[in-house]
Amino acid sequence: MIAERIGLVLLAVSATVVIAWAYLLFGDRLISRLPRRLNRRVMPWLFVAPAVFVIGCLLVFPAISTVVLSLFDKDGSSFVGMQNYTDMLSNEITQGALRNTVLWVIALPSLAALLGLLVAVLAERVRYGTLVKATLFLPIAISPVAAGVIWTFMYDYQPPITEQTGTMNALVTLVPDTEPIAWLISQATNNWALIAAMLWTQAGFAMVIFSAALGSVPVELHEAARLDGASEWHVFRRITLPLLIPTVVVVMTAMTVIALKTFDIVYVMTNGNYGTDVIATVMYKELFTARDNGTAGAVATLLMLAVLPIIFVNIRQFRLENKEA
């Protein structure tokens, strides 16, 4: 069985290489026969066309299909228009998921940017800064599912009369007369606990981006400000931070997209129970538990519409940076 799968993989890879080679070879020969002026216009499309085709098949067509699906009933047999959207938005579970998603969108990007910037700035001033950066960066290599399992053990709760096996409650109960906290069950803490678990996996990404941006800040500006008597705080606030604003925007938008798409951490740690549902878990439950294709399509469309403005902001920022360069 394993040998057959390896053979299929090798066959698929070989076929892809042969098809790509044949496409470029014959495409180049056909385009070379065109008039020179037309040749220059068509040549770029020879290389772009495969990417456009793949994006169309894997992104554009499924997105359009999802929007169409959201306008039909549960099994896709009857057109219901916007009924799925009104039912979804009037549902208490969906409303709670929307509130939680807003909390994620506000908290995760803000905390990731703050922690990443703080570590990036302070690590530059100590000898063991590289070790600190590496420690914060390592969780990026861990999948969200594995991170969810790790933090489920970290937040483990045992009754007050028993020994605490969870790291967080073991630390909490070190304080005299303090009872353990049901981190993932109590609605006062569970969403923040999930955000903290995701922050553990993403703060390193923000730190790396900020570290790279700090390296591009001219040292002469800092030295001139210090010679003029500026304190380190004023140097950071008046010189470093304004120059890092484009980087802050990039980090915040990237983290916002991650917050909107959050699924793995929530699914593994709570499965959306105890008031921790987010938009992605609602979509999953509607599609695979309730078998309601129409409502699931409506939730997916809502999520897609929420992400689109962020994509446009990223594209605009990218164009502005290219113009400045």
C-alpha atoms as a PDB file:
ATOM      1  CA  MET A   1       0.000   0.000   0.000  1.00  0.00           C
ATOM      2  CA  ILE A   2       2.780   2.452   0.936  1.00  0.00           C
ATOM      3  CA  ALA A   3       4.735   1.529  -2.205  1.00  0.00           C
ATOM      4  CA  GLU A   4       1.647   2.225  -4.328  1.00  0.00           C
ATOM      5  CA  ARG A   5       1.162   5.638  -2.732  1.00  0.00           C
ATOM      6  CA  ILE A   6       4.813   6.551  -3.229  1.00  0.00           C
ATOM      7  CA  GLY A   7       4.514   5.447  -6.845  1.00  0.00           C
ATOM      8  CA  LEU A   8       1.403   7.626  -7.342  1.00  0.00           C
ATOM      9  CA  VAL A   9       3.176  10.625  -5.793  1.00  0.00           C
ATOM     10  CA  LEU A  10       6.218  10.165  -8.032  1.00  0.00           C
ATOM     11  CA  LEU A  11       3.950   9.736 -11.056  1.00  0.00           C
ATOM     12  CA  ALA A  12       2.029  12.921 -10.216  1.00  0.00           C
ATOM     13  CA  VAL A  13       5.236  14.921  -9.706  1.00  0.00           C
ATOM     14  CA  SER A  14       6.742  13.599 -12.952  1.00  0.00           C
ATOM     15  CA  ALA A  15       3.556  14.309 -14.884  1.00  0.00           C
ATOM     16  CA  THR A  16       3.434  17.871 -13.506  1.00  0.00           C
ATOM     17  CA  VAL A  17       7.035  18.514 -14.549  1.00  0.00           C
ATOM     18  CA  VAL A  18       6.472  17.094 -18.037  1.00  0.00           C
ATOM     19  CA  ILE A  19       3.247  19.064 -18.540  1.00  0.00           C
ATOM     20  CA  ALA A  20       4.887  22.297 -17.350  1.00  0.00           C
ATOM     21  CA  TRP A  21       7.893  21.722 -19.630  1.00  0.00           C
ATOM     22  CA  ALA A  22       5.677  20.961 -22.622  1.00  0.00           C
ATOM     23  CA  TYR A  23       3.469  23.981 -21.932  1.00  0.00           C
ATOM     24  CA  LEU A  24       6.409  26.404 -21.789  1.00  0.00           C
ATOM     25  CA  LEU A  25       8.169  24.853 -24.777  1.00  0.00           C
ATOM     26  CA  PHE A  26       5.212  24.821 -27.171  1.00  0.00           C
ATOM     27  CA  GLY A  27       3.809  28.074 -25.808  1.00  0.00           C
ATOM     28  CA  ASP A  28       7.103  29.831 -26.440  1.00  0.00           C
ATOM     29  CA  ARG A  29       7.261  28.453 -29.978  1.00  0.00           C
ATOM     30  CA  LEU A  30       3.731  29.623 -30.762  1.00  0.00           C
ATOM     31  CA  ILE A  31       4.268  33.092 -29.296  1.00  0.00           C
ATOM     32  CA  SER A  32       7.592  33.494 -31.142  1.00  0.00           C
ATOM     33  CA  ARG A  33       5.681  33.315 -34.438  1.00  0.00           C
ATOM     34  CA  LEU A  34       3.553  36.326 -33.542  1.00  0.00           C
ATOM     35  CA  PRO A  35       4.480  39.880 -34.608  1.00  0.00           C
ATOM     36  CA  ARG A  36       7.049  41.447 -32.282  1.00  0.00           C
ATOM     37  CA  ARG A  37       4.686  44.031 -30.812  1.00  0.00           C
ATOM     38  CA  LEU A  38       2.032  41.410 -30.080  1.00  0.00           C
ATOM     39  CA  ASN A  39       4.701  38.999 -28.835  1.00  0.00           C
ATOM     40  CA  ARG A  40       5.691  41.367 -26.013  1.00  0.00           C
ATOM     41  CA  ARG A  41       2.095  41.690 -24.872  1.00  0.00           C
ATOM     42  CA  VAL A  42       1.301  37.990 -24.940  1.00  0.00           C
ATOM     43  CA  MET A  43       4.588  36.672 -23.481  1.00  0.00           C
ATOM     44  CA  PRO A  44       3.861  37.657 -19.832  1.00  0.00           C
ATOM     45  CA  TRP A  45       0.548  35.806 -19.989  1.00  0.00           C
ATOM     46  CA  LEU A  46       2.383  32.620 -20.929  1.00  0.00           C
ATOM     47  CA  PHE A  47       3.881  32.573 -17.436  1.00  0.00           C
ATOM     48  CA  VAL A  48       0.913  34.065 -15.577  1.00  0.00           C
ATOM     49  CA  ALA A  49      -1.782  31.863 -17.121  1.00  0.00           C
ATOM     50  CA  PRO A  50      -1.023  28.689 -15.060  1.00  0.00           C
ATOM     51  CA  ALA A  51      -1.123  30.659 -11.800  1.00  0.00           C
ATOM     52  CA  VAL A  52      -4.370  32.361 -12.852  1.00  0.00           C
ATOM     53  CA  PHE A  53      -5.849  28.973 -13.754  1.00  0.00           C
ATOM     54  CA  VAL A  54      -4.877  27.422 -10.401  1.00  0.00           C
ATOM     55  CA  ILE A  55      -6.167  30.426  -8.423  1.00  0.00           C
ATOM     56  CA  GLY A  56      -9.392  30.343 -10.404  1.00  0.00           C
ATOM     57  CA  CYS A  57      -9.912  26.635  -9.700  1.00  0.00           C
ATOM     58  CA  LEU A  58      -8.868  26.658  -6.041  1.00  0.00           C
ATOM     59  CA  LEU A  59     -10.054  30.105  -4.866  1.00  0.00           C
ATOM     60  CA  VAL A  60     -12.369  31.978  -7.222  1.00  0.00           C
ATOM     61  CA  PHE A  61     -14.652  29.102  -8.266  1.00  0.00           C
ATOM     62  CA  PRO A  62     -15.093  27.742  -4.699  1.00  0.00           C
ATOM     63  CA  ALA A  63     -15.797  31.274  -3.422  1.00  0.00           C
ATOM     64  CA  ILE A  64     -18.493  31.848  -6.042  1.00  0.00           C
ATOM     65  CA  SER A  65     -19.935  28.380  -5.388  1.00  0.00           C
ATOM     66  CA  THR A  66     -20.100  29.120  -1.655  1.00  0.00           C
ATOM     67  CA  VAL A  67     -21.971  32.386  -2.241  1.00  0.00           C
ATOM     68  CA  VAL A  68     -24.438  30.609  -4.529  1.00  0.00           C
ATOM     69  CA  LEU A  69     -24.836  27.786  -2.014  1.00  0.00           C
ATOM     70  CA  SER A  70     -25.702  30.289   0.721  1.00  0.00           C
ATOM     71  CA  LEU A  71     -28.793  31.333  -1.261  1.00  0.00           C
ATOM     72  CA  PHE A  72     -30.308  27.849  -1.223  1.00  0.00           C
ATOM     73  CA  ASP A  73     -31.858  25.697   1.472  1.00  0.00           C
ATOM     74  CA  LYS A  74     -30.256  22.987   3.584  1.00  0.00           C
ATOM     75  CA  ASP A  75     -29.788  20.443   0.792  1.00  0.00           C
ATOM     76  CA  GLY A  76     -29.432  22.965  -2.031  1.00  0.00           C
ATOM     77  CA  SER A  77     -32.718  22.069  -3.726  1.00  0.00           C
ATOM     78  CA  SER A  78     -34.754  25.272  -3.193  1.00  0.00           C
ATOM     79  CA  PHE A  79     -33.796  28.938  -3.583  1.00  0.00           C
ATOM     80  CA  VAL A  80     -34.355  30.851  -0.330  1.00  0.00           C
ATOM     81  CA  GLY A  81     -32.540  34.106  -1.058  1.00  0.00           C
ATOM     82  CA  MET A  82     -31.244  35.900   2.032  1.00  0.00           C
ATOM     83  CA  GLN A  83     -33.161  33.687   4.469  1.00  0.00           C
ATOM     84  CA  ASN A  84     -30.010  31.828   5.563  1.00  0.00           C
ATOM     85  CA  TYR A  85     -28.340  35.136   6.399  1.00  0.00           C
ATOM     86  CA  THR A  86     -31.261  36.415   8.470  1.00  0.00           C
ATOM     87  CA  ASP A  87     -31.582  33.089  10.310  1.00  0.00           C
ATOM     88  CA  MET A  88     -27.847  33.016  10.961  1.00  0.00           C
ATOM     89  CA  LEU A  89     -27.640  36.559  12.301  1.00  0.00           C
ATOM     90  CA  SER A  90     -30.712  36.085  14.509  1.00  0.00           C
ATOM     91  CA  ASN A  91     -29.304  32.889  16.051  1.00  0.00           C
ATOM     92  CA  GLU A  92     -27.941  33.327  19.586  1.00  0.00           C
ATOM     93  CA  ILE A  93     -25.030  30.955  18.956  1.00  0.00           C
ATOM     94  CA  THR A  94     -23.959  32.902  15.887  1.00  0.00           C
ATOM     95  CA  GLN A  95     -24.326  36.193  17.737  1.00  0.00           C
ATOM     96  CA  GLY A  96     -22.097  34.872  20.513  1.00  0.00           C
ATOM     97  CA  ALA A  97     -19.580  33.663  17.919  1.00  0.00           C
ATOM     98  CA  LEU A  98     -19.569  37.110  16.319  1.00  0.00           C
ATOM     99  CA  ARG A  99     -18.877  38.739  19.694  1.00  0.00           C
ATOM    100  CA  ASN A 100     -16.054  36.293  20.353  1.00  0.00           C
ATOM    101  CA  THR A 101     -14.622  36.884  16.880  1.00  0.00           C
ATOM    102  CA  VAL A 102     -14.629  40.645  17.489  1.00  0.00           C
ATOM    103  CA  LEU A 103     -12.777  40.021  20.759  1.00  0.00           C
ATOM    104  CA  TRP A 104     -10.215  37.896  18.896  1.00  0.00           C
ATOM    105  CA  VAL A 105      -9.805  40.544  16.175  1.00  0.00           C
ATOM    106  CA  ILE A 106      -9.159  43.257  18.764  1.00  0.00           C
ATOM    107  CA  ALA A 107      -7.081  41.327  21.289  1.00  0.00           C
ATOM    108  CA  LEU A 108      -4.852  39.027  19.222  1.00  0.00           C
ATOM    109  CA  PRO A 109      -3.388  41.616  16.793  1.00  0.00           C
ATOM    110  CA  SER A 110      -2.920  44.186  19.568  1.00  0.00           C
ATOM    111  CA  LEU A 111      -1.207  41.790  21.961  1.00  0.00           C
ATOM    112  CA  ALA A 112       0.902  40.158  19.234  1.00  0.00           C
ATOM    113  CA  ALA A 113       2.117  43.521  17.946  1.00  0.00           C
ATOM    114  CA  LEU A 114       2.789  44.820  21.464  1.00  0.00           C
ATOM    115  CA  LEU A 115       4.648  41.712  22.625  1.00  0.00           C
ATOM    116  CA  GLY A 116       6.545  41.292  19.361  1.00  0.00           C
ATOM    117  CA  LEU A 117       7.667  44.929  19.333  1.00  0.00           C
ATOM    118  CA  LEU A 118       8.595  44.856  23.010  1.00  0.00           C
ATOM    119  CA  VAL A 119      10.771  41.759  22.651  1.00  0.00           C
ATOM    120  CA  ALA A 120      12.325  42.980  19.392  1.00  0.00           C
ATOM    121  CA  VAL A 121      13.328  46.314  20.959  1.00  0.00           C
ATOM    122  CA  LEU A 122      14.540  44.981  24.310  1.00  0.00           C
ATOM    123  CA  ALA A 123      16.369  41.972  22.841  1.00  0.00           C
ATOM    124  CA  GLU A 124      18.604  44.348  20.884  1.00  0.00           C
ATOM    125  CA  ARG A 125      19.933  45.760  24.162  1.00  0.00           C
ATOM    126  CA  VAL A 126      21.039  42.576  25.956  1.00  0.00           C
ATOM    127  CA  ARG A 127      23.719  39.988  25.234  1.00  0.00           C
ATOM    128  CA  TYR A 128      21.293  37.081  25.331  1.00  0.00           C
ATOM    129  CA  GLY A 129      18.849  38.773  22.954  1.00  0.00           C
ATOM    130  CA  THR A 130      19.312  36.089  20.311  1.00  0.00           C
ATOM    131  CA  LEU A 131      18.330  33.397  22.809  1.00  0.00           C
ATOM    132  CA  VAL A 132      15.210  35.347  23.798  1.00  0.00           C
ATOM    133  CA  LYS A 133      14.208  35.751  20.159  1.00  0.00           C
ATOM    134  CA  ALA A 134      14.763  32.079  19.436  1.00  0.00           C
ATOM    135  CA  THR A 135      12.670  31.091  22.462  1.00  0.00           C
ATOM    136  CA  LEU A 136       9.765  33.274  21.349  1.00  0.00           C
ATOM    137  CA  PHE A 137      10.097  32.158  17.738  1.00  0.00           C
ATOM    138  CA  LEU A 138      10.131  28.381  18.374  1.00  0.00           C
ATOM    139  CA  PRO A 139       6.338  27.971  18.911  1.00  0.00           C
ATOM    140  CA  ILE A 140       5.766  29.033  15.294  1.00  0.00           C
ATOM    141  CA  ALA A 141       7.032  25.581  14.284  1.00  0.00           C
ATOM    142  CA  ILE A 142       4.272  23.956  16.333  1.00  0.00           C
ATOM    143  CA  SER A 143       0.965  23.328  14.570  1.00  0.00           C
ATOM    144  CA  PRO A 144      -2.162  24.949  16.055  1.00  0.00           C
ATOM    145  CA  VAL A 145      -3.553  21.500  16.878  1.00  0.00           C
ATOM    146  CA  ALA A 146      -0.423  20.549  18.829  1.00  0.00           C
ATOM    147  CA  ALA A 147      -0.434  23.952  20.520  1.00  0.00           C
ATOM    148  CA  GLY A 148      -4.054  23.376  21.514  1.00  0.00           C
ATOM    149  CA  VAL A 149      -3.180  20.025  23.088  1.00  0.00           C
ATOM    150  CA  ILE A 150      -0.213  21.548  24.946  1.00  0.00           C
ATOM    151  CA  TRP A 151      -2.265  24.406  26.355  1.00  0.00           C
ATOM    152  CA  THR A 152      -5.146  22.106  27.279  1.00  0.00           C
ATOM    153  CA  PHE A 153      -2.726  20.386  29.642  1.00  0.00           C
ATOM    154  CA  MET A 154      -1.411  23.752  30.789  1.00  0.00           C
ATOM    155  CA  TYR A 155      -4.938  24.886  31.705  1.00  0.00           C
ATOM    156  CA  ASP A 156      -5.977  21.567  33.234  1.00  0.00           C
ATOM    157  CA  TYR A 157      -8.304  22.000  36.217  1.00  0.00           C
ATOM    158  CA  GLN A 158      -8.660  19.746  39.226  1.00  0.00           C
ATOM    159  CA  PRO A 159     -10.939  20.263  42.253  1.00  0.00           C
ATOM    160  CA  PRO A 160      -9.384  22.409  45.030  1.00  0.00           C
ATOM    161  CA  ILE A 161      -8.920  19.435  47.361  1.00  0.00           C
ATOM    162  CA  THR A 162      -6.722  17.554  44.864  1.00  0.00           C
ATOM    163  CA  GLU A 163      -3.257  18.210  43.494  1.00  0.00           C
ATOM    164  CA  GLN A 164      -3.214  20.448  40.422  1.00  0.00           C
ATOM    165  CA  THR A 165      -1.720  18.809  37.330  1.00  0.00           C
ATOM    166  CA  GLY A 166      -2.106  21.877  35.105  1.00  0.00           C
ATOM    167  CA  THR A 167       0.827  24.268  35.070  1.00  0.00           C
ATOM    168  CA  MET A 168      -1.298  27.413  35.306  1.00  0.00           C
ATOM    169  CA  ASN A 169      -3.331  26.212  38.280  1.00  0.00           C
ATOM    170  CA  ALA A 170      -0.213  24.847  39.957  1.00  0.00           C
ATOM    171  CA  LEU A 171       1.200  28.375  39.813  1.00  0.00           C
ATOM    172  CA  VAL A 172      -2.056  29.978  40.944  1.00  0.00           C
ATOM    173  CA  THR A 173      -2.415  27.735  43.976  1.00  0.00           C
ATOM    174  CA  LEU A 174       1.069  28.637  45.150  1.00  0.00           C
ATOM    175  CA  VAL A 175      -0.574  31.776  46.530  1.00  0.00           C
ATOM    176  CA  PRO A 176      -2.094  30.958  49.947  1.00  0.00           C
ATOM    177  CA  ASP A 177      -5.904  30.651  50.127  1.00  0.00           C
ATOM    178  CA  THR A 178      -6.221  30.782  46.321  1.00  0.00           C
ATOM    179  CA  GLU A 179      -8.420  28.260  44.547  1.00  0.00           C
ATOM    180  CA  PRO A 180      -7.643  26.870  41.072  1.00  0.00           C
ATOM    181  CA  ILE A 181      -9.341  28.447  38.073  1.00  0.00           C
ATOM    182  CA  ALA A 182     -11.386  26.537  35.508  1.00  0.00           C
ATOM    183  CA  TRP A 183      -9.654  28.365  32.669  1.00  0.00           C
ATOM    184  CA  LEU A 184     -11.478  26.704  29.776  1.00  0.00           C
ATOM    185  CA  ILE A 185     -14.880  26.337  31.442  1.00  0.00           C
ATOM    186  CA  SER A 186     -15.420  29.679  33.133  1.00  0.00           C
ATOM    187  CA  GLN A 187     -16.756  32.233  30.652  1.00  0.00           C
ATOM    188  CA  ALA A 188     -14.811  34.934  32.475  1.00  0.00           C
ATOM    189  CA  THR A 189     -11.503  33.396  31.392  1.00  0.00           C
ATOM    190  CA  ASN A 190     -11.969  30.846  28.598  1.00  0.00           C
ATOM    191  CA  ASN A 191     -11.848  33.171  25.575  1.00  0.00           C
ATOM    192  CA  TRP A 192      -8.828  34.998  26.959  1.00  0.00           C
ATOM    193  CA  ALA A 193      -7.163  31.652  27.661  1.00  0.00           C
ATOM    194  CA  LEU A 194      -7.683  30.592  24.046  1.00  0.00           C
ATOM    195  CA  ILE A 195      -6.330  33.924  22.780  1.00  0.00           C
ATOM    196  CA  ALA A 196      -3.262  33.499  25.003  1.00  0.00           C
ATOM    197  CA  ALA A 197      -2.643  30.052  23.500  1.00  0.00           C
ATOM    198  CA  MET A 198      -2.824  31.466  19.979  1.00  0.00           C
ATOM    199  CA  LEU A 199      -0.642  34.413  21.002  1.00  0.00           C
ATOM    200  CA  TRP A 200       2.020  31.937  22.127  1.00  0.00           C
ATOM    201  CA  THR A 201       2.207  30.602  18.559  1.00  0.00           C
ATOM    202  CA  GLN A 202       2.078  33.964  16.747  1.00  0.00           C
ATOM    203  CA  ALA A 203       4.056  36.475  18.844  1.00  0.00           C
ATOM    204  CA  GLY A 204       7.305  35.116  17.394  1.00  0.00           C
ATOM    205  CA  PHE A 205       6.157  35.985  13.884  1.00  0.00           C
ATOM    206  CA  ALA A 206       5.484  39.584  14.926  1.00  0.00           C
ATOM    207  CA  MET A 207       8.840  39.730  16.719  1.00  0.00           C
ATOM    208  CA  VAL A 208      10.754  38.592  13.614  1.00  0.00           C
ATOM    209  CA  ILE A 209       9.024  41.191  11.416  1.00  0.00           C
ATOM    210  CA  PHE A 210       9.752  43.969  13.913  1.00  0.00           C
ATOM    211  CA  SER A 211      13.367  42.843  14.331  1.00  0.00           C
ATOM    212  CA  ALA A 212      13.889  43.080  10.579  1.00  0.00           C
ATOM    213  CA  ALA A 213      12.263  46.530  10.499  1.00  0.00           C
ATOM    214  CA  LEU A 214      14.409  47.756  13.400  1.00  0.00           C
ATOM    215  CA  GLY A 215      17.509  46.784  11.469  1.00  0.00           C
ATOM    216  CA  SER A 216      16.524  49.189   8.695  1.00  0.00           C
ATOM    217  CA  VAL A 217      16.186  52.202  11.035  1.00  0.00           C
ATOM    218  CA  PRO A 218      19.236  54.483  10.485  1.00  0.00           C
ATOM    219  CA  VAL A 219      21.577  54.348  13.494  1.00  0.00           C
ATOM    220  CA  GLU A 220      22.624  57.953  12.822  1.00  0.00           C
ATOM    221  CA  LEU A 221      19.175  59.203  13.811  1.00  0.00           C
ATOM    222  CA  HIS A 222      19.422  57.511  17.217  1.00  0.00           C
ATOM    223  CA  GLU A 223      22.940  58.766  17.818  1.00  0.00           C
ATOM    224  CA  ALA A 224      22.014  62.337  16.876  1.00  0.00           C
ATOM    225  CA  ALA A 225      19.007  62.286  19.201  1.00  0.00           C
ATOM    226  CA  ARG A 226      21.086  60.963  22.099  1.00  0.00           C
ATOM    227  CA  LEU A 227      23.721  63.665  21.508  1.00  0.00           C
ATOM    228  CA  ASP A 228      20.940  66.228  21.752  1.00  0.00           C
ATOM    229  CA  GLY A 229      20.052  64.848  25.174  1.00  0.00           C
ATOM    230  CA  ALA A 230      17.011  62.746  24.286  1.00  0.00           C
ATOM    231  CA  SER A 231      16.197  59.871  26.638  1.00  0.00           C
ATOM    232  CA  GLU A 232      15.801  56.303  25.336  1.00  0.00           C
ATOM    233  CA  TRP A 233      12.026  56.565  25.660  1.00  0.00           C
ATOM    234  CA  HIS A 234      11.931  59.759  23.602  1.00  0.00           C
ATOM    235  CA  VAL A 235      14.240  58.218  20.985  1.00  0.00           C
ATOM    236  CA  PHE A 236      11.858  55.283  20.659  1.00  0.00           C
ATOM    237  CA  ARG A 237       8.665  57.358  20.686  1.00  0.00           C
ATOM    238  CA  ARG A 238       9.842  60.165  18.404  1.00  0.00           C
ATOM    239  CA  ILE A 239      12.109  58.304  15.963  1.00  0.00           C
ATOM    240  CA  THR A 240      11.811  54.507  16.060  1.00  0.00           C
ATOM    241  CA  LEU A 241       8.053  54.101  16.419  1.00  0.00           C
ATOM    242  CA  PRO A 242       7.053  56.504  13.591  1.00  0.00           C
ATOM    243  CA  LEU A 243       9.418  54.676  11.236  1.00  0.00           C
ATOM    244  CA  LEU A 244       7.843  51.357  12.255  1.00  0.00           C
ATOM    245  CA  ILE A 245       4.246  52.385  11.522  1.00  0.00           C
ATOM    246  CA  PRO A 246       4.161  50.571   8.111  1.00  0.00           C
ATOM    247  CA  THR A 247       5.480  47.429   9.819  1.00  0.00           C
ATOM    248  CA  VAL A 248       2.873  47.752  12.577  1.00  0.00           C
ATOM    249  CA  VAL A 249       0.170  47.882   9.886  1.00  0.00           C
ATOM    250  CA  VAL A 250       1.533  44.742   8.221  1.00  0.00           C
ATOM    251  CA  VAL A 251       1.702  42.824  11.506  1.00  0.00           C
ATOM    252  CA  MET A 252      -1.742  43.978  12.642  1.00  0.00           C
ATOM    253  CA  THR A 253      -3.410  43.039   9.349  1.00  0.00           C
ATOM    254  CA  ALA A 254      -1.710  39.633   9.264  1.00  0.00           C
ATOM    255  CA  MET A 255      -2.762  38.927  12.855  1.00  0.00           C
ATOM    256  CA  THR A 256      -6.300  40.123  12.119  1.00  0.00           C
ATOM    257  CA  VAL A 257      -6.643  37.609   9.297  1.00  0.00           C
ATOM    258  CA  ILE A 258      -5.355  34.870  11.608  1.00  0.00           C
ATOM    259  CA  ALA A 259      -7.852  35.948  14.283  1.00  0.00           C
ATOM    260  CA  LEU A 260     -10.733  35.860  11.806  1.00  0.00           C
ATOM    261  CA  LYS A 261      -9.758  32.383  10.577  1.00  0.00           C
ATOM    262  CA  THR A 262      -9.190  30.944  14.064  1.00  0.00           C
ATOM    263  CA  PHE A 263     -10.491  27.398  14.236  1.00  0.00           C
ATOM    264  CA  ASP A 264      -7.891  24.818  15.297  1.00  0.00           C
ATOM    265  CA  ILE A 265      -7.158  26.184  18.770  1.00  0.00           C
ATOM    266  CA  VAL A 266     -10.841  26.579  19.644  1.00  0.00           C
ATOM    267  CA  TYR A 267     -11.844  23.214  18.174  1.00  0.00           C
ATOM    268  CA  VAL A 268      -9.115  21.278  19.978  1.00  0.00           C
ATOM    269  CA  MET A 269      -9.372  23.001  23.356  1.00  0.00           C
ATOM    270  CA  THR A 270     -13.120  23.575  23.816  1.00  0.00           C
ATOM    271  CA  ASN A 271     -14.896  22.575  20.578  1.00  0.00           C
ATOM    272  CA  GLY A 272     -16.732  25.889  20.914  1.00  0.00           C
ATOM    273  CA  ASN A 273     -18.360  24.886  24.201  1.00  0.00           C
ATOM    274  CA  TYR A 274     -18.792  27.167  27.235  1.00  0.00           C
ATOM    275  CA  GLY A 275     -19.397  30.208  25.039  1.00  0.00           C
ATOM    276  CA  THR A 276     -16.139  30.014  23.044  1.00  0.00           C
ATOM    277  CA  ASP A 277     -17.559  29.569  19.542  1.00  0.00           C
ATOM    278  CA  VAL A 278     -16.080  31.690  16.763  1.00  0.00           C
ATOM    279  CA  ILE A 279     -17.275  32.127  13.179  1.00  0.00           C
ATOM    280  CA  ALA A 280     -15.147  29.254  11.855  1.00  0.00           C
ATOM    281  CA  THR A 281     -16.418  26.745  14.426  1.00  0.00           C
ATOM    282  CA  VAL A 282     -20.033  27.751  13.716  1.00  0.00           C
ATOM    283  CA  MET A 283     -19.413  27.168  10.014  1.00  0.00           C
ATOM    284  CA  TYR A 284     -17.881  23.755  10.756  1.00  0.00           C
ATOM    285  CA  LYS A 285     -20.806  22.695  12.951  1.00  0.00           C
ATOM    286  CA  GLU A 286     -23.402  23.846  10.434  1.00  0.00           C
ATOM    287  CA  LEU A 287     -21.667  21.993   7.607  1.00  0.00           C
ATOM    288  CA  PHE A 288     -20.567  18.728   9.252  1.00  0.00           C
ATOM    289  CA  THR A 289     -22.872  18.388  12.270  1.00  0.00           C
ATOM    290  CA  ALA A 290     -26.159  19.974  11.207  1.00  0.00           C
ATOM    291  CA  ARG A 291     -25.535  19.129   7.515  1.00  0.00           C
ATOM    292  CA  ASP A 292     -26.961  22.528   6.595  1.00  0.00           C
ATOM    293  CA  ASN A 293     -25.103  23.555   3.449  1.00  0.00           C
ATOM    294  CA  GLY A 294     -27.031  26.796   3.037  1.00  0.00           C
ATOM    295  CA  THR A 295     -26.333  28.209   6.495  1.00  0.00           C
ATOM    296  CA  ALA A 296     -22.725  27.007   6.360  1.00  0.00           C
ATOM    297  CA  GLY A 297     -22.336  28.821   3.044  1.00  0.00           C
ATOM    298  CA  ALA A 298     -23.798  31.983   4.575  1.00  0.00           C
ATOM    299  CA  VAL A 299     -21.356  31.842   7.497  1.00  0.00           C
ATOM    300  CA  ALA A 300     -18.439  31.213   5.113  1.00  0.00           C
ATOM    301  CA  THR A 301     -19.524  34.152   2.951  1.00  0.00           C
ATOM    302  CA  LEU A 302     -19.697  36.399   6.008  1.00  0.00           C
ATOM    303  CA  LEU A 303     -16.190  35.344   6.981  1.00  0.00           C
ATOM    304  CA  MET A 304     -14.921  35.970   3.447  1.00  0.00           C
ATOM    305  CA  LEU A 305     -16.469  39.447   3.390  1.00  0.00           C
ATOM    306  CA  ALA A 306     -14.792  40.233   6.712  1.00  0.00           C
ATOM    307  CA  VAL A 307     -11.382  39.270   5.322  1.00  0.00           C
ATOM    308  CA  LEU A 308     -11.658  41.154   2.012  1.00  0.00           C
ATOM    309  CA  PRO A 309     -11.130  44.691   3.433  1.00  0.00           C
ATOM    310  CA  ILE A 310      -7.984  43.516   5.202  1.00  0.00           C
ATOM    311  CA  ILE A 311      -6.651  42.080   1.940  1.00  0.00           C
ATOM    312  CA  PHE A 312      -7.276  45.409   0.204  1.00  0.00           C
ATOM    313  CA  VAL A 313      -5.438  47.253   2.994  1.00  0.00           C
ATOM    314  CA  ASN A 314      -2.468  44.917   2.572  1.00  0.00           C
ATOM    315  CA  ILE A 315      -2.417  45.427  -1.208  1.00  0.00           C
ATOM    316  CA  ARG A 316      -2.617  49.203  -0.790  1.00  0.00           C
ATOM    317  CA  GLN A 317       0.194  49.181   1.770  1.00  0.00           C
ATOM    318  CA  PHE A 318       2.324  47.018  -0.521  1.00  0.00           C
ATOM    319  CA  ARG A 319       1.831  49.437  -3.416  1.00  0.00           C
ATOM    320  CA  LEU A 320       2.701  52.434  -1.258  1.00  0.00           C
ATOM    321  CA  GLU A 321       5.918  50.765  -0.100  1.00  0.00           C
ATOM    322  CA  ASN A 322       6.847  49.962  -3.699  1.00  0.00           C
ATOM    323  CA  LYS A 323       6.277  53.585  -4.741  1.00  0.00           C
ATOM    324  CA  GLU A 324       8.427  54.856  -1.877  1.00  0.00           C
ATOM    325  CA  ALA A 325      11.168  52.371  -2.808  1.00  0.00           C
END
